[in-house]
Amino acid sequence: MKRAKGLFIVFEGPDKSGKSTQARLLADTLRGRGHAVLHTREPGGTSVAEGVRKVLLDPALTIDPLAELFLYEASRAQHTNEKIIPALKAGQIVISERFTMSTDAYQGAARGLGLKTTGTLNKIATSGLMPDITLLLDIPVAEFDTRDQGRELDRLERENAEFRRKVREGYLKAAKADRRAVVLNGKLPADVLQKKIVQLVGKKL
């Protein structure tokens, strides 16, 4: 799809990989340099999509994998058309925590629905929009249990280690096939990782 001069940056990675922290730090840095920045997330980002998020992450619910996929894509369609595309057309920098690569990793790989299915639905939901750069924060599966101790886990975070292994493998496979994706060591100290990310984004700017 054609759009104006805005820059679309996506943070990807398994649960607890540090996406929210790094996205916030980058948004603060870019705003400090005078850039107009929209910091958003998936699922969510709009009132409709945030409502879908509550359903998707509710640990009390059991959701069929295919239904789960369609819920994510419905949320993404609303988010993309209501928030992301208008911001990009206005020339803003959009920073999103998760986008289509998450669906390929979680539903395509870990749920076993296949990349052909997720790829087709991703393209429809986003009107073909793709990130200018995807920053994949990679962490070992065992790292999950060392982070955010004591916080209540959502429905996806309650999946077992084998599911998380498949998610990680799905991410690494997707990143390898995407020339716009950069894999970063999510175990690095937050400040060190931030400097690397700022340098990478600076090249895009």
Foldseek 3Di string as FASTA:
>chain_A
DDADQEAEEEEAEDPPLCLVVLLVLLQVVVVVVPAAEAEEEPQPQDPVSVVLVCVLFAQVDDDDLVRSLVSRLVSLLCNQVVPVRVCRNVRHYYYYHDALLQCQLQSQFLVVPHPVVSVVSSCVSNVNDDHQAYEYAYDQLVVLVVPPPPDDGTNVSPDDSVSSVSSRVSNVVVQVVDPRYDYDHSVDPSVVVSVVVCVVVVVVD
